[in-house]
C-alpha atoms as a PDB file:
ATOM      1  CA  MET A   1      -0.074   0.302  -0.048  1.00  0.00           C
ATOM      2  CA  GLN A   2       2.761   2.403   1.082  1.00  0.00           C
ATOM      3  CA  LYS A   3       4.296   1.815  -2.557  1.00  0.00           C
ATOM      4  CA  TYR A   4       1.295   2.677  -4.312  1.00  0.00           C
ATOM      5  CA  VAL A   5       0.705   6.065  -2.210  1.00  0.00           C
ATOM      6  CA  GLY A   6       4.519   6.898  -2.918  1.00  0.00           C
ATOM      7  CA  VAL A   7       4.125   6.455  -6.645  1.00  0.00           C
ATOM      8  CA  PHE A   8       1.009   8.558  -6.471  1.00  0.00           C
ATOM      9  CA  GLY A   9       2.648  11.193  -4.370  1.00  0.00           C
ATOM     10  CA  LEU A  10       5.510  11.404  -7.006  1.00  0.00           C
ATOM     11  CA  PHE A  11       3.203  11.484  -9.737  1.00  0.00           C
ATOM     12  CA  PHE A  12       1.193  14.280  -7.904  1.00  0.00           C
ATOM     13  CA  VAL A  13       4.116  16.462  -7.203  1.00  0.00           C
ATOM     14  CA  CYS A  14       5.706  15.823 -10.987  1.00  0.00           C
ATOM     15  CA  PHE A  15       2.057  17.278 -12.018  1.00  0.00           C
ATOM     16  CA  VAL A  16       1.884  20.401  -9.889  1.00  0.00           C
ATOM     17  CA  ALA A  17       5.291  21.420 -10.772  1.00  0.00           C
ATOM     18  CA  GLY A  18       4.782  20.878 -14.398  1.00  0.00           C
ATOM     19  CA  TYR A  19       1.597  22.620 -14.183  1.00  0.00           C
ATOM     20  CA  ALA A  20       3.451  25.605 -12.282  1.00  0.00           C
ATOM     21  CA  LEU A  21       5.971  25.605 -14.997  1.00  0.00           C
ATOM     22  CA  VAL A  22       3.672  26.186 -17.748  1.00  0.00           C
ATOM     23  CA  TYR A  23       1.976  28.833 -15.839  1.00  0.00           C
ATOM     24  CA  ASN A  24       4.754  30.849 -15.074  1.00  0.00           C
ATOM     25  CA  ASN A  25       5.984  30.848 -18.636  1.00  0.00           C
ATOM     26  CA  THR A  26       2.546  31.746 -20.216  1.00  0.00           C
ATOM     27  CA  GLU A  27       2.213  35.179 -20.194  1.00  0.00           C
ATOM     28  CA  PHE A  28      -1.563  36.397 -19.066  1.00  0.00           C
ATOM     29  CA  SER A  29      -0.998  40.232 -19.655  1.00  0.00           C
ATOM     30  CA  SER A  30      -1.961  42.040 -22.360  1.00  0.00           C
ATOM     31  CA  ILE A  31      -0.143  40.467 -24.948  1.00  0.00           C
ATOM     32  CA  SER A  32      -0.256  37.055 -23.456  1.00  0.00           C
ATOM     33  CA  ARG A  33      -0.947  33.889 -25.816  1.00  0.00           C
ATOM     34  CA  ASP A  34       0.288  35.851 -28.826  1.00  0.00           C
ATOM     35  CA  PRO A  35       3.762  34.580 -30.068  1.00  0.00           C
ATOM     36  CA  ALA A  36       2.857  35.655 -33.507  1.00  0.00           C
ATOM     37  CA  ALA A  37       2.827  39.287 -32.575  1.00  0.00           C
ATOM     38  CA  VAL A  38       6.632  40.108 -33.283  1.00  0.00           C
ATOM     39  CA  ARG A  39       6.367  37.545 -36.683  1.00  0.00           C
ATOM     40  CA  SER A  40       3.403  39.841 -37.726  1.00  0.00           C
ATOM     41  CA  GLY A  41       5.495  42.807 -37.295  1.00  0.00           C
ATOM     42  CA  PHE A  42       3.311  44.836 -35.302  1.00  0.00           C
ATOM     43  CA  ASP A  43       5.392  44.654 -32.096  1.00  0.00           C
ATOM     44  CA  PHE A  44       6.891  48.378 -31.569  1.00  0.00           C
ATOM     45  CA  SER A  45       7.293  48.026 -27.787  1.00  0.00           C
ATOM     46  CA  HIS A  46      10.995  48.692 -28.465  1.00  0.00           C
ATOM     47  CA  LEU A  47      10.374  52.040 -29.906  1.00  0.00           C
ATOM     48  CA  SER A  48       9.397  55.647 -28.305  1.00  0.00           C
ATOM     49  CA  GLY A  49       8.735  59.007 -29.340  1.00  0.00           C
ATOM     50  CA  GLU A  50       8.720  60.217 -32.891  1.00  0.00           C
ATOM     51  CA  ASN A  51       9.642  56.955 -34.074  1.00  0.00           C
ATOM     52  CA  LEU A  52       6.830  55.095 -32.326  1.00  0.00           C
ATOM     53  CA  GLN A  53       4.396  57.980 -33.798  1.00  0.00           C
ATOM     54  CA  ASP A  54       5.546  57.355 -37.112  1.00  0.00           C
ATOM     55  CA  ALA A  55       5.663  53.156 -36.870  1.00  0.00           C
ATOM     56  CA  VAL A  56       2.303  52.944 -35.380  1.00  0.00           C
ATOM     57  CA  LYS A  57       0.506  55.426 -37.914  1.00  0.00           C
ATOM     58  CA  GLN A  58       1.901  53.711 -40.877  1.00  0.00           C
ATOM     59  CA  ARG A  59       0.756  50.436 -38.867  1.00  0.00           C
ATOM     60  CA  LEU A  60      -2.633  51.343 -38.656  1.00  0.00           C
ATOM     61  CA  VAL A  61      -2.904  52.687 -42.476  1.00  0.00           C
ATOM     62  CA  ALA A  62      -0.923  50.083 -44.092  1.00  0.00           C
ATOM     63  CA  GLY A  63      -3.425  47.447 -42.593  1.00  0.00           C
ATOM     64  CA  PHE A  64      -6.789  49.339 -43.680  1.00  0.00           C
ATOM     65  CA  GLU A  65      -9.064  47.382 -44.927  1.00  0.00           C
ATOM     66  CA  LEU A  66     -12.433  48.314 -46.776  1.00  0.00           C
ATOM     67  CA  LYS A  67     -14.617  45.235 -46.376  1.00  0.00           C
ATOM     68  CA  LYS A  68     -17.762  44.711 -48.508  1.00  0.00           C
ATOM     69  CA  ALA A  69     -21.112  42.714 -47.239  1.00  0.00           C
ATOM     70  CA  PRO A  70     -24.681  43.584 -48.525  1.00  0.00           C
ATOM     71  CA  GLY A  71     -25.843  46.784 -47.520  1.00  0.00           C
ATOM     72  CA  ALA A  72     -22.800  47.553 -45.529  1.00  0.00           C
ATOM     73  CA  SER A  73     -19.077  48.390 -45.761  1.00  0.00           C
ATOM     74  CA  GLY A  74     -16.560  47.546 -43.090  1.00  0.00           C
ATOM     75  CA  LEU A  75     -13.690  49.678 -41.893  1.00  0.00           C
ATOM     76  CA  SER A  76     -10.646  48.085 -40.603  1.00  0.00           C
ATOM     77  CA  LEU A  77      -7.128  49.340 -39.354  1.00  0.00           C
ATOM     78  CA  GLY A  78      -3.724  47.448 -38.543  1.00  0.00           C
ATOM     79  CA  HIS A  79      -3.124  46.721 -35.090  1.00  0.00           C
ATOM     80  CA  PHE A  80       0.063  46.945 -32.994  1.00  0.00           C
ATOM     81  CA  VAL A  81       1.642  46.427 -29.563  1.00  0.00           C
ATOM     82  CA  PHE A  82       3.410  49.358 -27.928  1.00  0.00           C
ATOM     83  CA  THR A  83       4.800  50.053 -24.660  1.00  0.00           C
ATOM     84  CA  ASP A  84       2.796  52.944 -22.774  1.00  0.00           C
ATOM     85  CA  GLN A  85       4.215  55.481 -20.556  1.00  0.00           C
ATOM     86  CA  TYR A  86       4.376  53.386 -17.541  1.00  0.00           C
ATOM     87  CA  GLY A  87       6.803  50.783 -19.412  1.00  0.00           C
ATOM     88  CA  GLN A  88       3.951  48.263 -19.670  1.00  0.00           C
ATOM     89  CA  ARG A  89       3.493  46.521 -23.171  1.00  0.00           C
ATOM     90  CA  LYS A  90       0.042  47.019 -24.273  1.00  0.00           C
ATOM     91  CA  LEU A  91      -2.487  46.297 -27.326  1.00  0.00           C
ATOM     92  CA  ALA A  92      -3.723  48.896 -29.225  1.00  0.00           C
ATOM     93  CA  CYS A  93      -7.465  48.486 -28.550  1.00  0.00           C
ATOM     94  CA  GLN A  94      -6.357  48.146 -24.576  1.00  0.00           C
ATOM     95  CA  GLU A  95      -4.944  51.903 -24.210  1.00  0.00           C
ATOM     96  CA  PHE A  96      -7.504  53.599 -27.053  1.00  0.00           C
ATOM     97  CA  ALA A  97     -11.385  52.625 -26.367  1.00  0.00           C
ATOM     98  CA  LYS A  98     -12.904  53.575 -29.314  1.00  0.00           C
ATOM     99  CA  VAL A  99     -11.783  54.396 -33.245  1.00  0.00           C
ATOM    100  CA  SER A 100     -13.461  57.263 -35.373  1.00  0.00           C
ATOM    101  CA  PHE A 101     -13.089  57.749 -38.933  1.00  0.00           C
ATOM    102  CA  VAL A 102     -14.249  60.859 -40.547  1.00  0.00           C
ATOM    103  CA  PHE A 103     -14.971  61.593 -44.047  1.00  0.00           C
ATOM    104  CA  GLU A 104     -15.704  64.529 -46.462  1.00  0.00           C
ATOM    105  CA  ALA A 105     -18.166  64.186 -49.632  1.00  0.00           C
ATOM    106  CA  GLU A 106     -16.487  64.700 -52.996  1.00  0.00           C
ATOM    107  CA  GLY A 107     -17.993  67.276 -55.662  1.00  0.00           C
ATOM    108  CA  VAL A 108     -20.709  68.635 -53.112  1.00  0.00           C
ATOM    109  CA  SER A 109     -20.820  71.607 -50.654  1.00  0.00           C
ATOM    110  CA  VAL A 110     -23.239  73.186 -48.887  1.00  0.00           C
ATOM    111  CA  SER A 111     -22.846  77.243 -48.141  1.00  0.00           C
ATOM    112  CA  GLY A 112     -18.863  76.617 -48.981  1.00  0.00           C
ATOM    113  CA  GLU A 113     -18.668  73.903 -46.467  1.00  0.00           C
ATOM    114  CA  LYS A 114     -18.101  69.883 -47.306  1.00  0.00           C
ATOM    115  CA  PRO A 115     -20.613  67.127 -46.195  1.00  0.00           C
ATOM    116  CA  SER A 116     -18.706  65.343 -43.596  1.00  0.00           C
ATOM    117  CA  MET A 117     -19.094  61.925 -42.186  1.00  0.00           C
ATOM    118  CA  GLU A 118     -17.968  60.415 -38.785  1.00  0.00           C
ATOM    119  CA  VAL A 119     -17.888  56.708 -38.141  1.00  0.00           C
ATOM    120  CA  GLU A 120     -16.934  55.739 -34.186  1.00  0.00           C
ATOM    121  CA  GLY A 121     -16.769  52.498 -32.739  1.00  0.00           C
ATOM    122  CA  ALA A 122     -15.237  50.248 -30.123  1.00  0.00           C
ATOM    123  CA  CYS A 123     -11.477  49.452 -30.918  1.00  0.00           C
ATOM    124  CA  GLU A 124     -11.546  45.401 -30.523  1.00  0.00           C
ATOM    125  CA  TYR A 125      -8.939  43.348 -32.008  1.00  0.00           C
ATOM    126  CA  SER A 126      -9.189  40.139 -34.261  1.00  0.00           C
ATOM    127  CA  ASN A 127      -8.430  36.962 -33.009  1.00  0.00           C
ATOM    128  CA  ASP A 128      -5.023  36.853 -34.235  1.00  0.00           C
ATOM    129  CA  MET A 129      -4.448  40.265 -32.995  1.00  0.00           C
ATOM    130  CA  ALA A 130      -3.142  41.646 -36.147  1.00  0.00           C
ATOM    131  CA  LYS A 131      -6.052  43.568 -37.288  1.00  0.00           C
ATOM    132  CA  ILE A 132      -8.945  46.174 -35.492  1.00  0.00           C
ATOM    133  CA  ASN A 133     -12.108  44.344 -36.275  1.00  0.00           C
ATOM    134  CA  PRO A 134     -14.208  46.812 -38.798  1.00  0.00           C
ATOM    135  CA  LEU A 135     -16.824  49.128 -37.817  1.00  0.00           C
ATOM    136  CA  TRP A 136     -19.560  48.277 -40.470  1.00  0.00           C
ATOM    137  CA  VAL A 137     -21.690  51.073 -41.957  1.00  0.00           C
ATOM    138  CA  PRO A 138     -24.928  49.925 -42.879  1.00  0.00           C
ATOM    139  CA  ILE A 139     -25.217  52.048 -45.801  1.00  0.00           C
ATOM    140  CA  ALA A 140     -28.451  50.691 -47.337  1.00  0.00           C
ATOM    141  CA  LYS A 141     -30.201  51.591 -44.137  1.00  0.00           C
ATOM    142  CA  ILE A 142     -28.665  55.141 -44.541  1.00  0.00           C
ATOM    143  CA  LEU A 143     -29.760  55.582 -47.812  1.00  0.00           C
ATOM    144  CA  GLY A 144     -33.023  54.684 -46.450  1.00  0.00           C
ATOM    145  CA  GLU A 145     -33.251  57.674 -44.478  1.00  0.00           C
ATOM    146  CA  ASN A 146     -34.018  61.260 -45.638  1.00  0.00           C
ATOM    147  CA  PRO A 147     -30.505  63.057 -45.566  1.00  0.00           C
ATOM    148  CA  ALA A 148     -30.427  65.605 -42.713  1.00  0.00           C
ATOM    149  CA  ASP A 149     -27.349  66.382 -40.227  1.00  0.00           C
ATOM    150  CA  GLY A 150     -27.503  64.248 -37.284  1.00  0.00           C
ATOM    151  CA  GLU A 151     -26.564  61.261 -35.609  1.00  0.00           C
ATOM    152  CA  PHE A 152     -27.406  57.504 -36.411  1.00  0.00           C
ATOM    153  CA  GLN A 153     -26.784  54.741 -33.862  1.00  0.00           C
ATOM    154  CA  PHE A 154     -26.973  51.074 -35.157  1.00  0.00           C
ATOM    155  CA  ASN A 155     -26.692  48.385 -32.291  1.00  0.00           C
ATOM    156  CA  GLU A 156     -26.816  45.194 -34.918  1.00  0.00           C
ATOM    157  CA  GLY A 157     -23.679  43.404 -34.138  1.00  0.00           C
ATOM    158  CA  ASN A 158     -20.663  45.839 -33.325  1.00  0.00           C
ATOM    159  CA  ALA A 159     -22.545  49.221 -32.166  1.00  0.00           C
ATOM    160  CA  VAL A 160     -21.579  51.830 -34.468  1.00  0.00           C
ATOM    161  CA  THR A 161     -22.229  55.804 -34.530  1.00  0.00           C
ATOM    162  CA  VAL A 162     -22.534  57.494 -37.440  1.00  0.00           C
ATOM    163  CA  ARG A 163     -22.370  61.561 -37.563  1.00  0.00           C
ATOM    164  CA  PHE A 164     -23.191  63.625 -40.651  1.00  0.00           C
ATOM    165  CA  ALA A 165     -23.029  67.504 -40.993  1.00  0.00           C
ATOM    166  CA  ASN A 166     -23.669  70.020 -43.779  1.00  0.00           C
ATOM    167  CA  LEU A 167     -25.660  67.341 -45.890  1.00  0.00           C
ATOM    168  CA  PRO A 168     -27.261  68.749 -48.934  1.00  0.00           C
ATOM    169  CA  ASP A 169     -30.741  67.423 -49.828  1.00  0.00           C
ATOM    170  CA  HIS A 170     -29.040  64.138 -51.628  1.00  0.00           C
ATOM    171  CA  TRP A 171     -26.815  61.814 -50.382  1.00  0.00           C
ATOM    172  CA  PRO A 172     -23.528  62.132 -51.888  1.00  0.00           C
ATOM    173  CA  LYS A 173     -22.073  59.218 -53.491  1.00  0.00           C
ATOM    174  CA  THR A 174     -17.961  59.378 -52.971  1.00  0.00           C
ATOM    175  CA  TRP A 175     -16.509  59.854 -49.280  1.00  0.00           C
ATOM    176  CA  LEU A 176     -13.146  60.581 -49.134  1.00  0.00           C
ATOM    177  CA  LEU A 177     -10.968  59.826 -45.823  1.00  0.00           C
ATOM    178  CA  LYS A 178      -9.495  62.769 -44.104  1.00  0.00           C
ATOM    179  CA  SER A 179      -8.874  61.584 -40.587  1.00  0.00           C
ATOM    180  CA  VAL A 180      -8.453  58.371 -38.492  1.00  0.00           C
ATOM    181  CA  ARG A 181      -8.661  58.941 -34.517  1.00  0.00           C
ATOM    182  CA  MET A 182      -7.574  56.279 -32.068  1.00  0.00           C
ATOM    183  CA  LYS A 183      -9.812  57.940 -28.572  1.00  0.00           C
ATOM    184  CA  ASN A 184      -8.422  57.592 -25.188  1.00  0.00           C
ATOM    185  CA  VAL A 185     -10.179  58.644 -22.462  1.00  0.00           C
ATOM    186  CA  ASN A 186      -7.559  58.929 -20.030  1.00  0.00           C
ATOM    187  CA  SER A 187      -4.873  60.494 -22.429  1.00  0.00           C
ATOM    188  CA  SER A 188      -4.211  61.991 -25.771  1.00  0.00           C
ATOM    189  CA  ASP A 189      -6.001  60.583 -28.862  1.00  0.00           C
ATOM    190  CA  LEU A 190      -3.733  59.520 -31.606  1.00  0.00           C
ATOM    191  CA  THR A 191      -4.713  61.212 -35.133  1.00  0.00           C
ATOM    192  CA  ILE A 192      -3.680  60.324 -38.421  1.00  0.00           C
ATOM    193  CA  GLU A 193      -4.673  63.481 -41.103  1.00  0.00           C
ATOM    194  CA  SER A 194      -5.079  62.629 -45.091  1.00  0.00           C
ATOM    195  CA  ASN A 195      -2.036  63.985 -46.037  1.00  0.00           C
ATOM    196  CA  GLU A 196      -0.126  61.226 -43.795  1.00  0.00           C
ATOM    197  CA  VAL A 197      -2.979  58.699 -45.100  1.00  0.00           C
ATOM    198  CA  ALA A 198      -1.648  59.295 -48.595  1.00  0.00           C
ATOM    199  CA  ARG A 199       1.931  59.153 -47.552  1.00  0.00           C
ATOM    200  CA  TYR A 200       1.522  55.939 -45.827  1.00  0.00           C
ATOM    201  CA  LEU A 201      -0.636  54.460 -48.745  1.00  0.00           C
ATOM    202  CA  GLY A 202       0.285  56.210 -51.957  1.00  0.00           C
ATOM    203  CA  HIS A 203      -3.276  56.926 -52.589  1.00  0.00           C
ATOM    204  CA  PRO A 204      -6.341  58.148 -50.784  1.00  0.00           C
ATOM    205  CA  ILE A 205      -8.888  56.196 -49.221  1.00  0.00           C
ATOM    206  CA  VAL A 206     -12.313  56.043 -50.829  1.00  0.00           C
ATOM    207  CA  VAL A 207     -15.914  55.020 -49.698  1.00  0.00           C
ATOM    208  CA  ASN A 208     -18.845  54.704 -51.869  1.00  0.00           C
ATOM    209  CA  PHE A 209     -22.756  54.609 -51.336  1.00  0.00           C
END
């Protein structure tokens, strides 16, 4: 009997030791369970200052995707890892709560002002952490409404807010991206202007209704 107790005890000790080793070597921080982060080329935790700003902006814009679905368009950005002001490595969507895209209508003006559209939603990253999940603009639903300045809120799936200003009496068809903003309630926002978008991509970003 003592022999079996000894064998069981040895097995239990080895199991606990093995579990502790795995536990201690698995990061449960903001960038845990993501060995692909460095391989994907979006880990900027070694950068700071202007170098970090430039790398982050380029990563966001270079990862931009315009997705299509029946009656809707999705706006997605690249994702990244960085080191915050306290020296902690973080995922972008853990630092920035919301993402905002601001567009201006092309070929239309009202009293000298171009119509504008802002699309805002939560910053949430994809399963592989390489992308920020798209904000879906329900274009068909918007076109079903009379053009008017104001705010639309859509709560199907991920909640998205769409704001319009300076609209004419018809819906503009072509919208040019003017800026991207990562919003942080506790510190400064990160903003990418249209000239930076063109510099990083080599072309403007256009959404057609």
